[in-house]
Amino acid sequence: MSVRIKDVAKVAGVSVATVSRALAGGPVSESLRQRVEQAVRATGYRPDLSARRLRTRRSETIGLIVSDILNPFFTAVARGVEDAAYAAGMRVILCNTDENPDRESMYLRLMQEERVTGLILAPTLGMGRLTFDFPVVLIDRADPASGHDSVVIDNHRACTELVTHCHDQGYRRIGGLFGNTSATGRQRAEAYRVCMDSLGLTPDVRFVAPTATMAESVVTDWLTGPNPPDAIVNSNGRLLMGSARAIRRLGVSMPDDLGLLGFDNDEWTELVDPGVTVYEQPVREIGRTAMALISERLKDSGTTTRQVVLSGRCLIRGSTSRRSAGQTAALLRGPGAP
């Protein structure tokens, strides 16, 4: 015999209406919401999503479109979205664009056809201003002119912290390797240039497709060419991995011959020797915050467009911890100087 919503209400000791509001993320107290969730688990109740879809003209499904599901950054963000969606009684449709605007357009049409409740999107550079029948939250990359809510990190602050750390460790030929397919890569490249100029250093920028294979190839040529960098800042975890591969294959010593650092605290960055200095982004918080913005937009579609800017933290490890203050001074004086 199937469990009905009134059975949940009986176990929770509340009305059917209260159960409905709690499951839909409506205005109920936290204690009532917990009682309803406990009753749902105790009874094994499963909401009739098809019936709810007919009543509300929504699927109680969240669309999530990311650019590269192989990138651990997006994997972790997706986990944050899924956790929050599950707690709200919603399902998640996950799509991967590979930074391809045509694939992105196809999946956007799919979200319209599925009548999703809301969409969380990491847009490609090819995305223009579009109108949807549901709330949209942009993550990681956001165009202020899009008219959509967004969740991003402070890219200027993050990249400035990385470059400044290199400078403090005595590195002066600090190269920057940036992804060429997203606004995030461009924003971080601009922050890198501004910081290098403020430190009196000459920027050396390489833009590359954001894959480990391409990064390995570019960094190999860079390090074996004339005037190679003595440190490389990478704008995402895939590029960072490719750079590490090139450095290992060439037998370059970190941190003495080369400093390596970049974005995303992927597991391998702590396990290699020396560990790699990274800027850790609040990945799950990005997903949870995006879901919260969708919930707020569903309750009040007329609110002003919001951009939530989150901060991460710089984790200093052996790949850049090259010199003490005294060693840095000696380096700048040059060999043989008193």
Protein backbone atom coordinates (compact mmCIF):
# COMPACT_ATOMS: atom_id res chain seq x y z
CA MET A 1 0.00 0.00 0.00
CA SER A 2 1.44 3.37 -1.02
CA VAL A 3 2.18 6.02 1.56
CA ARG A 4 0.17 9.22 1.12
CA ILE A 5 0.89 12.76 2.22
CA LYS A 6 -1.77 12.53 4.91
CA ASP A 7 0.16 9.61 6.42
CA VAL A 8 3.20 11.86 6.70
CA ALA A 9 1.05 14.56 8.29
CA LYS A 10 -0.27 12.09 10.86
CA VAL A 11 3.21 10.90 11.86
CA ALA A 12 4.53 14.48 12.03
CA GLY A 13 1.49 15.68 13.96
CA VAL A 14 0.81 18.53 11.54
CA SER A 15 -1.69 19.33 8.81
CA VAL A 16 -1.45 18.16 5.22
CA ALA A 17 -1.02 21.79 4.20
CA THR A 18 1.99 22.15 6.48
CA VAL A 19 3.58 19.05 4.96
CA SER A 20 3.02 20.45 1.47
CA ARG A 21 4.57 23.79 2.38
CA ALA A 22 7.58 22.16 4.04
CA LEU A 23 8.27 19.87 1.09
CA ALA A 24 7.95 22.76 -1.35
CA GLY A 25 10.37 24.92 0.64
CA GLY A 26 7.57 27.21 1.78
CA PRO A 27 7.29 29.37 4.91
CA VAL A 28 7.40 27.00 7.88
CA SER A 29 9.57 27.07 10.98
CA GLU A 30 12.80 25.09 11.02
CA SER A 31 11.50 22.82 13.79
CA LEU A 32 8.38 21.98 11.75
CA ARG A 33 10.47 21.37 8.65
CA GLN A 34 12.63 18.91 10.57
CA ARG A 35 9.56 17.10 11.94
CA VAL A 36 8.18 16.74 8.42
CA GLU A 37 11.51 15.49 7.06
CA GLN A 38 11.73 12.92 9.87
CA ALA A 39 8.19 11.76 9.11
CA VAL A 40 9.03 11.45 5.41
CA ARG A 41 11.99 9.22 6.24
CA ALA A 42 9.98 7.18 8.76
CA THR A 43 7.11 6.52 6.38
CA GLY A 44 9.14 6.17 3.19
CA TYR A 45 6.88 8.72 1.52
CA ARG A 46 7.65 9.58 -2.10
CA PRO A 47 5.93 12.64 -3.58
CA ASP A 48 4.01 12.17 -6.81
CA LEU A 49 6.21 14.39 -8.95
CA SER A 50 4.17 13.91 -12.11
CA ALA A 51 1.00 15.06 -10.37
CA ARG A 52 2.81 18.02 -8.83
CA ARG A 53 4.16 18.94 -12.24
CA LEU A 54 0.65 19.07 -13.66
CA ARG A 55 -0.55 21.26 -10.77
CA THR A 56 2.34 23.71 -10.73
CA ARG A 57 3.49 23.50 -14.36
CA ARG A 58 6.96 22.93 -12.93
CA SER A 59 8.94 19.71 -12.80
CA GLU A 60 10.47 20.23 -9.30
CA THR A 61 13.77 19.73 -11.10
CA ILE A 62 16.87 21.92 -11.09
CA GLY A 63 18.90 22.14 -14.26
CA LEU A 64 22.67 22.35 -13.83
CA ILE A 65 24.79 23.12 -16.89
CA VAL A 66 28.57 23.19 -16.41
CA SER A 67 31.43 23.60 -18.84
CA ASP A 68 33.58 20.60 -17.90
CA ILE A 69 32.38 17.89 -15.52
CA LEU A 70 35.91 16.40 -15.53
CA ASN A 71 37.10 19.56 -13.78
CA PRO A 72 36.99 18.78 -10.03
CA PHE A 73 35.84 22.36 -9.41
CA PHE A 74 32.55 21.73 -11.21
CA THR A 75 32.24 18.24 -9.70
CA ALA A 76 32.35 19.75 -6.21
CA VAL A 77 29.96 22.57 -7.14
CA ALA A 78 27.55 19.98 -8.52
CA ARG A 79 27.68 18.14 -5.19
CA GLY A 80 26.76 21.35 -3.38
CA VAL A 81 23.83 21.90 -5.74
CA GLU A 82 22.64 18.30 -5.42
CA ASP A 83 22.81 18.33 -1.63
CA ALA A 84 20.72 21.51 -1.45
CA ALA A 85 18.27 20.30 -4.10
CA TYR A 86 17.77 16.96 -2.33
CA ALA A 87 17.06 18.74 0.94
CA ALA A 88 14.41 20.77 -0.91
CA GLY A 89 12.81 17.66 -2.42
CA MET A 90 14.05 18.41 -5.93
CA ARG A 91 15.97 16.46 -8.52
CA VAL A 92 18.93 17.65 -10.62
CA ILE A 93 19.54 17.33 -14.36
CA LEU A 94 23.27 17.68 -15.04
CA CYS A 95 24.60 18.64 -18.48
CA ASN A 96 28.14 19.28 -19.72
CA THR A 97 28.90 21.75 -22.53
CA ASP A 98 32.68 21.36 -23.02
CA GLU A 99 32.67 25.16 -23.51
CA ASN A 100 30.73 24.61 -26.76
CA PRO A 101 28.04 27.30 -27.38
CA ASP A 102 26.09 24.94 -29.65
CA ARG A 103 25.89 22.28 -26.94
CA GLU A 104 24.96 24.95 -24.46
CA SER A 105 22.08 26.11 -26.68
CA MET A 106 20.85 22.53 -27.02
CA TYR A 107 20.81 22.02 -23.26
CA LEU A 108 19.11 25.37 -22.67
CA ARG A 109 16.32 24.22 -24.99
CA LEU A 110 16.15 20.96 -23.05
CA MET A 111 15.65 22.88 -19.81
CA GLN A 112 12.76 24.78 -21.40
CA GLU A 113 11.20 21.54 -22.62
CA GLU A 114 11.58 19.91 -19.21
CA ARG A 115 10.02 22.96 -17.54
CA VAL A 116 12.66 22.97 -14.85
CA THR A 117 11.99 24.84 -11.65
CA GLY A 118 15.28 26.72 -11.95
CA LEU A 119 18.60 26.63 -13.76
CA ILE A 120 22.18 26.96 -12.50
CA LEU A 121 24.55 27.71 -15.36
CA ALA A 122 28.28 28.20 -15.92
CA PRO A 123 27.95 30.04 -19.24
CA THR A 124 30.27 29.94 -22.24
CA LEU A 125 31.59 33.13 -23.76
CA GLY A 126 29.08 32.70 -26.57
CA MET A 127 26.02 33.16 -24.36
CA GLY A 128 24.08 36.33 -25.01
CA ARG A 129 21.24 37.89 -23.04
CA LEU A 130 18.45 35.29 -22.94
CA THR A 131 15.01 35.21 -21.37
CA PHE A 132 13.78 32.13 -19.53
CA ASP A 133 10.53 31.00 -17.95
CA PHE A 134 12.33 30.05 -14.73
CA PRO A 135 14.93 31.55 -12.37
CA VAL A 136 18.52 31.39 -13.62
CA VAL A 137 21.65 31.68 -11.48
CA LEU A 138 25.05 32.02 -13.14
CA ILE A 139 28.03 30.46 -11.36
CA ASP A 140 31.79 31.00 -11.68
CA ARG A 141 31.39 33.39 -14.61
CA ALA A 142 28.88 36.22 -14.68
CA ASP A 143 28.13 39.04 -17.08
CA PRO A 144 26.54 41.92 -15.16
CA ALA A 145 24.49 42.73 -18.27
CA SER A 146 22.89 39.26 -18.31
CA GLY A 147 20.12 40.25 -15.93
CA HIS A 148 20.51 37.03 -13.94
CA ASP A 149 21.51 36.37 -10.34
CA SER A 150 25.04 35.04 -9.94
CA VAL A 151 27.51 33.48 -7.52
CA VAL A 152 31.19 34.18 -8.12
CA ILE A 153 34.42 34.53 -6.18
CA ASP A 154 36.49 37.70 -5.93
CA ASN A 155 38.85 36.92 -8.81
CA HIS A 156 40.81 40.14 -8.45
CA ARG A 157 41.57 39.50 -4.78
CA ALA A 158 42.38 35.83 -5.36
CA CYS A 159 44.81 36.38 -8.23
CA THR A 160 46.41 39.33 -6.44
CA GLU A 161 47.09 37.13 -3.40
CA LEU A 162 48.79 34.50 -5.57
CA VAL A 163 51.00 36.95 -7.47
CA THR A 164 51.90 38.90 -4.33
CA HIS A 165 52.91 35.66 -2.58
CA CYS A 166 55.26 34.87 -5.49
CA HIS A 167 56.79 38.31 -5.24
CA ASP A 168 57.27 37.94 -1.49
CA GLN A 169 59.15 34.70 -2.10
CA GLY A 170 61.60 36.40 -4.44
CA TYR A 171 60.14 35.35 -7.79
CA ARG A 172 60.31 38.09 -10.41
CA ARG A 173 59.63 36.50 -13.81
CA ILE A 174 56.11 35.43 -12.86
CA GLY A 175 54.21 33.97 -15.82
CA GLY A 176 50.44 33.64 -16.02
CA LEU A 177 48.63 30.74 -17.71
CA PHE A 178 44.94 31.43 -18.28
CA GLY A 179 41.97 29.63 -19.83
CA ASN A 180 40.79 31.21 -23.07
CA THR A 181 37.16 30.05 -23.11
CA SER A 182 35.55 31.81 -20.17
CA ALA A 183 35.10 35.22 -18.63
CA THR A 184 36.76 33.90 -15.46
CA GLY A 185 40.05 33.27 -17.25
CA ARG A 186 40.00 36.78 -18.67
CA GLN A 187 39.14 38.36 -15.31
CA ARG A 188 42.00 36.54 -13.61
CA ALA A 189 44.39 37.51 -16.39
CA GLU A 190 43.43 41.16 -15.97
CA ALA A 191 43.93 40.93 -12.18
CA TYR A 192 47.34 39.33 -12.79
CA ARG A 193 48.38 42.16 -15.12
CA VAL A 194 47.25 44.85 -12.69
CA CYS A 195 49.13 43.23 -9.81
CA MET A 196 52.30 42.71 -11.86
CA ASP A 197 52.24 46.37 -12.94
CA SER A 198 51.78 47.51 -9.34
CA LEU A 199 54.84 45.46 -8.33
CA GLY A 200 56.94 46.90 -11.15
CA LEU A 201 57.15 43.52 -12.90
CA THR A 202 56.61 42.66 -16.57
CA PRO A 203 53.52 40.50 -17.24
CA ASP A 204 54.03 37.36 -19.32
CA VAL A 205 50.65 35.91 -20.28
CA ARG A 206 49.72 32.72 -22.09
CA PHE A 207 46.09 31.97 -23.00
CA VAL A 208 45.28 28.32 -23.67
CA ALA A 209 42.34 25.94 -23.97
CA PRO A 210 41.61 24.93 -20.34
CA THR A 211 42.81 21.33 -20.49
CA ALA A 212 45.75 19.61 -18.82
CA THR A 213 47.07 18.39 -22.18
CA MET A 214 47.21 21.87 -23.68
CA ALA A 215 48.76 23.32 -20.54
CA GLU A 216 51.49 20.65 -20.53
CA SER A 217 52.38 21.44 -24.14
CA VAL A 218 52.46 25.21 -23.65
CA VAL A 219 54.46 25.05 -20.41
CA THR A 220 56.99 22.65 -21.96
CA ASP A 221 57.67 25.11 -24.77
CA TRP A 222 57.67 28.03 -22.33
CA LEU A 223 60.23 26.52 -19.97
CA THR A 224 62.56 25.34 -22.74
CA GLY A 225 62.40 28.61 -24.66
CA PRO A 226 64.25 31.90 -24.14
CA ASN A 227 63.75 33.82 -20.88
CA PRO A 228 61.51 31.24 -19.16
CA PRO A 229 59.46 32.25 -16.11
CA ASP A 230 60.67 31.47 -12.61
CA ALA A 231 57.07 31.01 -11.40
CA ILE A 232 53.78 30.18 -13.11
CA VAL A 233 50.32 31.16 -11.88
CA ASN A 234 47.56 28.94 -13.32
CA SER A 235 43.94 30.10 -13.56
CA ASN A 236 42.27 26.72 -12.92
CA GLY A 237 42.94 23.22 -11.68
CA ARG A 238 43.16 21.58 -15.11
CA LEU A 239 45.87 24.01 -16.22
CA LEU A 240 47.67 23.54 -12.91
CA MET A 241 47.77 19.79 -13.42
CA GLY A 242 49.14 20.16 -16.96
CA SER A 243 51.83 22.54 -15.74
CA ALA A 244 52.84 20.07 -13.02
CA ARG A 245 53.16 17.30 -15.61
CA ALA A 246 55.44 19.43 -17.79
CA ILE A 247 57.59 20.40 -14.81
CA ARG A 248 57.96 16.79 -13.73
CA ARG A 249 58.79 15.59 -17.26
CA LEU A 250 61.46 18.28 -17.66
CA GLY A 251 62.99 17.54 -14.26
CA VAL A 252 62.58 21.13 -13.07
CA SER A 253 63.04 21.56 -9.31
CA MET A 254 60.30 23.19 -7.25
CA PRO A 255 60.46 25.62 -5.57
CA ASP A 256 64.10 26.61 -6.20
CA ASP A 257 64.10 26.61 -10.02
CA LEU A 258 60.40 27.29 -10.49
CA GLY A 259 57.42 28.22 -8.36
CA LEU A 260 54.08 26.62 -9.25
CA LEU A 261 50.71 27.76 -7.99
CA GLY A 262 47.13 28.27 -9.11
CA PHE A 263 43.47 27.79 -8.41
CA ASP A 264 41.56 24.90 -6.83
CA ASN A 265 42.51 22.69 -3.94
CA ASP A 266 42.26 19.38 -5.79
CA GLU A 267 43.40 16.32 -3.82
CA TRP A 268 46.54 15.73 -5.88
CA THR A 269 47.90 19.21 -5.08
CA GLU A 270 48.43 18.21 -1.44
CA LEU A 271 49.69 14.68 -2.14
CA VAL A 272 52.56 15.50 -4.52
CA ASP A 273 56.01 16.43 -3.19
CA PRO A 274 56.35 19.31 -2.77
CA GLY A 275 52.71 20.20 -2.25
CA VAL A 276 51.34 22.83 -4.61
CA THR A 277 50.29 26.29 -3.44
CA VAL A 278 46.65 26.91 -4.39
CA TYR A 279 43.79 29.33 -3.95
CA GLU A 280 41.00 27.20 -2.50
CA GLN A 281 37.56 28.24 -3.74
CA PRO A 282 34.45 27.59 -1.60
CA VAL A 283 33.12 25.11 -4.15
CA ARG A 284 30.24 23.53 -2.26
CA GLU A 285 29.19 26.89 -0.88
CA ILE A 286 28.91 28.13 -4.47
CA GLY A 287 26.42 25.34 -5.24
CA ARG A 288 24.42 25.83 -2.05
CA THR A 289 24.29 29.60 -2.50
CA ALA A 290 23.07 29.22 -6.09
CA MET A 291 20.22 27.01 -4.86
CA ALA A 292 19.35 29.56 -2.17
CA LEU A 293 19.14 32.31 -4.79
CA ILE A 294 16.78 30.20 -6.88
CA SER A 295 14.55 29.62 -3.84
CA GLU A 296 14.48 33.34 -3.12
CA ARG A 297 13.68 34.15 -6.73
CA LEU A 298 10.80 31.65 -6.74
CA LYS A 299 9.29 33.39 -3.73
CA ASP A 300 9.75 36.89 -5.17
CA SER A 301 10.50 37.19 -8.88
CA GLY A 302 10.56 40.98 -8.68
CA THR A 303 13.59 41.38 -6.45
CA THR A 304 16.66 43.21 -7.70
CA THR A 305 19.25 41.07 -9.48
CA ARG A 306 21.85 39.89 -6.99
CA GLN A 307 25.51 38.96 -7.33
CA VAL A 308 26.96 37.08 -4.36
CA VAL A 309 30.76 37.37 -4.21
CA LEU A 310 32.44 34.71 -2.10
CA SER A 311 36.01 34.55 -0.84
CA GLY A 312 38.37 31.60 -0.63
CA ARG A 313 41.79 31.23 0.95
CA CYS A 314 45.36 30.91 -0.22
CA LEU A 315 47.01 27.66 0.94
CA ILE A 316 50.79 28.08 0.93
CA ARG A 317 52.72 24.86 0.26
CA GLY A 318 56.20 23.78 -0.74
CA SER A 319 55.96 24.52 -4.46
CA THR A 320 56.46 28.24 -3.77
CA SER A 321 58.00 28.37 -0.26
CA ARG A 322 61.41 29.00 -1.72
CA ARG A 323 63.20 31.48 0.46
CA SER A 324 63.26 33.09 3.84
CA ALA A 325 63.46 36.89 3.96
CA GLY A 326 67.27 36.70 4.21
CA GLN A 327 67.52 34.33 1.26
CA THR A 328 65.29 36.59 -0.81
CA ALA A 329 67.53 39.59 -0.05
CA ALA A 330 70.61 37.59 -1.05
CA LEU A 331 68.96 36.53 -4.30
CA LEU A 332 68.11 40.13 -5.21
CA ARG A 333 71.71 41.24 -4.47
CA GLY A 334 72.98 38.61 -6.84
CA PRO A 335 75.63 35.85 -6.53
CA GLY A 336 78.83 36.84 -4.81
CA ALA A 337 77.43 40.07 -3.44
CA PRO A 338 78.29 40.90 0.19
